[in-house]
């Protein structure tokens, strides 16, 4: 078995994208982007590679992207296994435990995982 077999991941591509490139990707994936905001950069070091990630928080009108599963913060933490490399992005998601603790109202929207 491969090291990350059975794990889900946040949607992504190789390399870093601009906001406009992210909008184009969302459209290609069958999603209608409403807004795209930079969400930060994180680095994860595996034993053999350094993974530098740049994240975007994307709000979409239509949640029908092929091959995507929509999940809220609780499901992402409790039900769908994500590699620890993505853990830096979870507190940034709408409805996350961290945002609720900071006083943000819960959000019914979810996040896509691929």
C-alpha atoms as a PDB file:
ATOM      1  CA  UNK A   1       0.000   0.000   0.000  1.00  0.00           C
ATOM      2  CA  UNK A   2       1.088   3.547  -0.669  1.00  0.00           C
ATOM      3  CA  UNK A   3       1.813   5.851   2.273  1.00  0.00           C
ATOM      4  CA  UNK A   4      -1.244   8.111   1.796  1.00  0.00           C
ATOM      5  CA  UNK A   5      -3.604   5.440   0.439  1.00  0.00           C
ATOM      6  CA  UNK A   6      -7.167   5.848   1.695  1.00  0.00           C
ATOM      7  CA  UNK A   7      -6.725   9.489   2.670  1.00  0.00           C
ATOM      8  CA  UNK A   8      -8.638  12.397   1.168  1.00  0.00           C
ATOM      9  CA  UNK A   9      -7.051  15.715   0.220  1.00  0.00           C
ATOM     10  CA  UNK A  10      -8.087  19.292  -0.285  1.00  0.00           C
ATOM     11  CA  UNK A  11      -8.404  20.081  -4.005  1.00  0.00           C
ATOM     12  CA  UNK A  12      -5.104  21.188  -5.438  1.00  0.00           C
ATOM     13  CA  UNK A  13      -2.667  21.314  -8.302  1.00  0.00           C
ATOM     14  CA  UNK A  14       1.099  21.139  -8.630  1.00  0.00           C
ATOM     15  CA  UNK A  15       2.766  24.523  -8.210  1.00  0.00           C
ATOM     16  CA  UNK A  16       1.262  27.810  -7.025  1.00  0.00           C
ATOM     17  CA  UNK A  17      -1.633  29.624  -8.684  1.00  0.00           C
ATOM     18  CA  UNK A  18      -2.796  33.219  -8.843  1.00  0.00           C
ATOM     19  CA  UNK A  19      -6.349  34.110  -7.836  1.00  0.00           C
ATOM     20  CA  UNK A  20      -7.342  34.265 -11.504  1.00  0.00           C
ATOM     21  CA  UNK A  21      -5.834  30.829 -12.174  1.00  0.00           C
ATOM     22  CA  UNK A  22      -7.804  29.468  -9.209  1.00  0.00           C
ATOM     23  CA  UNK A  23     -11.035  30.882 -10.701  1.00  0.00           C
ATOM     24  CA  UNK A  24     -10.256  29.147 -14.004  1.00  0.00           C
ATOM     25  CA  UNK A  25      -9.550  25.847 -12.215  1.00  0.00           C
ATOM     26  CA  UNK A  26     -12.809  26.067 -10.270  1.00  0.00           C
ATOM     27  CA  UNK A  27     -14.711  26.560 -13.517  1.00  0.00           C
ATOM     28  CA  UNK A  28     -12.916  23.580 -15.098  1.00  0.00           C
ATOM     29  CA  UNK A  29     -13.934  21.483 -12.097  1.00  0.00           C
ATOM     30  CA  UNK A  30     -17.600  22.405 -12.719  1.00  0.00           C
ATOM     31  CA  UNK A  31     -17.845  24.980  -9.928  1.00  0.00           C
ATOM     32  CA  UNK A  32     -19.099  28.576 -10.152  1.00  0.00           C
ATOM     33  CA  UNK A  33     -16.710  30.788  -8.145  1.00  0.00           C
ATOM     34  CA  UNK A  34     -18.223  33.658  -6.136  1.00  0.00           C
ATOM     35  CA  UNK A  35     -15.056  34.747  -4.343  1.00  0.00           C
ATOM     36  CA  UNK A  36     -11.433  33.657  -4.041  1.00  0.00           C
ATOM     37  CA  UNK A  37      -9.350  34.829  -1.060  1.00  0.00           C
ATOM     38  CA  UNK A  38      -5.766  33.973  -0.135  1.00  0.00           C
ATOM     39  CA  UNK A  39      -5.772  31.685   2.888  1.00  0.00           C
ATOM     40  CA  UNK A  40      -2.091  31.483   3.712  1.00  0.00           C
ATOM     41  CA  UNK A  41       0.939  29.353   2.992  1.00  0.00           C
ATOM     42  CA  UNK A  42       2.077  26.254   4.809  1.00  0.00           C
ATOM     43  CA  UNK A  43       5.062  23.946   4.512  1.00  0.00           C
ATOM     44  CA  UNK A  44       4.973  20.258   5.334  1.00  0.00           C
ATOM     45  CA  UNK A  45       8.170  18.239   5.428  1.00  0.00           C
ATOM     46  CA  UNK A  46       7.979  14.560   4.579  1.00  0.00           C
ATOM     47  CA  UNK A  47      11.041  12.368   5.037  1.00  0.00           C
ATOM     48  CA  UNK A  48      11.918  12.759   1.345  1.00  0.00           C
ATOM     49  CA  UNK A  49      10.271  15.999   0.159  1.00  0.00           C
ATOM     50  CA  UNK A  50       9.384  19.523   1.291  1.00  0.00           C
ATOM     51  CA  UNK A  51       5.819  20.417   0.304  1.00  0.00           C
ATOM     52  CA  UNK A  52       5.152  24.167   0.078  1.00  0.00           C
ATOM     53  CA  UNK A  53       1.439  24.882  -0.216  1.00  0.00           C
ATOM     54  CA  UNK A  54      -0.450  28.078  -0.913  1.00  0.00           C
ATOM     55  CA  UNK A  55      -4.131  27.979  -0.026  1.00  0.00           C
ATOM     56  CA  UNK A  56      -7.196  29.856  -1.180  1.00  0.00           C
ATOM     57  CA  UNK A  57     -10.597  30.033   0.473  1.00  0.00           C
ATOM     58  CA  UNK A  58     -13.084  29.778  -2.384  1.00  0.00           C
ATOM     59  CA  UNK A  59     -16.808  30.340  -2.170  1.00  0.00           C
ATOM     60  CA  UNK A  60     -18.851  28.825  -4.968  1.00  0.00           C
ATOM     61  CA  UNK A  61     -22.484  28.981  -6.075  1.00  0.00           C
ATOM     62  CA  UNK A  62     -22.785  25.438  -7.294  1.00  0.00           C
ATOM     63  CA  UNK A  63     -21.360  22.512  -5.351  1.00  0.00           C
ATOM     64  CA  UNK A  64     -21.443  19.836  -8.032  1.00  0.00           C
ATOM     65  CA  UNK A  65     -17.798  19.457  -8.966  1.00  0.00           C
ATOM     66  CA  UNK A  66     -17.058  16.007 -10.328  1.00  0.00           C
ATOM     67  CA  UNK A  67     -14.994  13.856  -8.012  1.00  0.00           C
ATOM     68  CA  UNK A  68     -15.472  16.213  -5.040  1.00  0.00           C
ATOM     69  CA  UNK A  69     -17.007  15.403  -1.678  1.00  0.00           C
ATOM     70  CA  UNK A  70     -18.482  18.291   0.333  1.00  0.00           C
ATOM     71  CA  UNK A  71     -17.922  18.126   4.072  1.00  0.00           C
ATOM     72  CA  UNK A  72     -18.209  20.491   7.025  1.00  0.00           C
ATOM     73  CA  UNK A  73     -15.451  21.083   9.565  1.00  0.00           C
ATOM     74  CA  UNK A  74     -16.642  18.328  11.929  1.00  0.00           C
ATOM     75  CA  UNK A  75     -16.773  15.715   9.151  1.00  0.00           C
ATOM     76  CA  UNK A  76     -13.321  16.725   7.925  1.00  0.00           C
ATOM     77  CA  UNK A  77     -11.925  16.168  11.406  1.00  0.00           C
ATOM     78  CA  UNK A  78     -13.959  13.119  12.442  1.00  0.00           C
ATOM     79  CA  UNK A  79     -15.028  11.176   9.347  1.00  0.00           C
ATOM     80  CA  UNK A  80     -12.832  11.886   6.332  1.00  0.00           C
ATOM     81  CA  UNK A  81      -9.146  11.246   6.899  1.00  0.00           C
ATOM     82  CA  UNK A  82      -6.921  14.082   5.655  1.00  0.00           C
ATOM     83  CA  UNK A  83      -3.110  13.934   5.734  1.00  0.00           C
ATOM     84  CA  UNK A  84      -1.590  16.047   8.502  1.00  0.00           C
ATOM     85  CA  UNK A  85      -0.019  18.215   5.772  1.00  0.00           C
ATOM     86  CA  UNK A  86      -3.407  19.937   5.389  1.00  0.00           C
ATOM     87  CA  UNK A  87      -3.975  20.573   9.111  1.00  0.00           C
ATOM     88  CA  UNK A  88      -2.796  24.187   8.865  1.00  0.00           C
ATOM     89  CA  UNK A  89      -5.692  24.990   6.547  1.00  0.00           C
ATOM     90  CA  UNK A  90      -8.505  23.514   8.689  1.00  0.00           C
ATOM     91  CA  UNK A  91      -8.731  26.438  11.170  1.00  0.00           C
ATOM     92  CA  UNK A  92      -9.233  28.796   8.208  1.00  0.00           C
ATOM     93  CA  UNK A  93     -12.357  27.068   6.912  1.00  0.00           C
ATOM     94  CA  UNK A  94     -15.802  28.619   7.494  1.00  0.00           C
ATOM     95  CA  UNK A  95     -17.515  26.929  10.428  1.00  0.00           C
ATOM     96  CA  UNK A  96     -14.268  25.586  11.878  1.00  0.00           C
ATOM     97  CA  UNK A  97     -14.022  25.075  15.629  1.00  0.00           C
ATOM     98  CA  UNK A  98     -11.316  27.752  15.773  1.00  0.00           C
ATOM     99  CA  UNK A  99     -13.463  30.359  13.997  1.00  0.00           C
ATOM    100  CA  UNK A 100     -16.470  29.581  16.195  1.00  0.00           C
ATOM    101  CA  UNK A 101     -14.337  29.989  19.323  1.00  0.00           C
ATOM    102  CA  UNK A 102     -13.273  33.391  17.971  1.00  0.00           C
ATOM    103  CA  UNK A 103     -16.947  34.406  17.813  1.00  0.00           C
ATOM    104  CA  UNK A 104     -17.738  33.720  14.166  1.00  0.00           C
ATOM    105  CA  UNK A 105     -21.211  32.345  13.558  1.00  0.00           C
ATOM    106  CA  UNK A 106     -21.422  28.761  12.273  1.00  0.00           C
ATOM    107  CA  UNK A 107     -21.739  28.342   8.545  1.00  0.00           C
ATOM    108  CA  UNK A 108     -23.714  25.645   6.772  1.00  0.00           C
ATOM    109  CA  UNK A 109     -21.366  25.624   3.804  1.00  0.00           C
ATOM    110  CA  UNK A 110     -18.839  22.872   3.567  1.00  0.00           C
ATOM    111  CA  UNK A 111     -15.463  22.306   2.050  1.00  0.00           C
ATOM    112  CA  UNK A 112     -14.595  20.158  -0.927  1.00  0.00           C
ATOM    113  CA  UNK A 113     -12.171  17.280  -0.649  1.00  0.00           C
ATOM    114  CA  UNK A 114     -10.964  15.234  -3.587  1.00  0.00           C
END
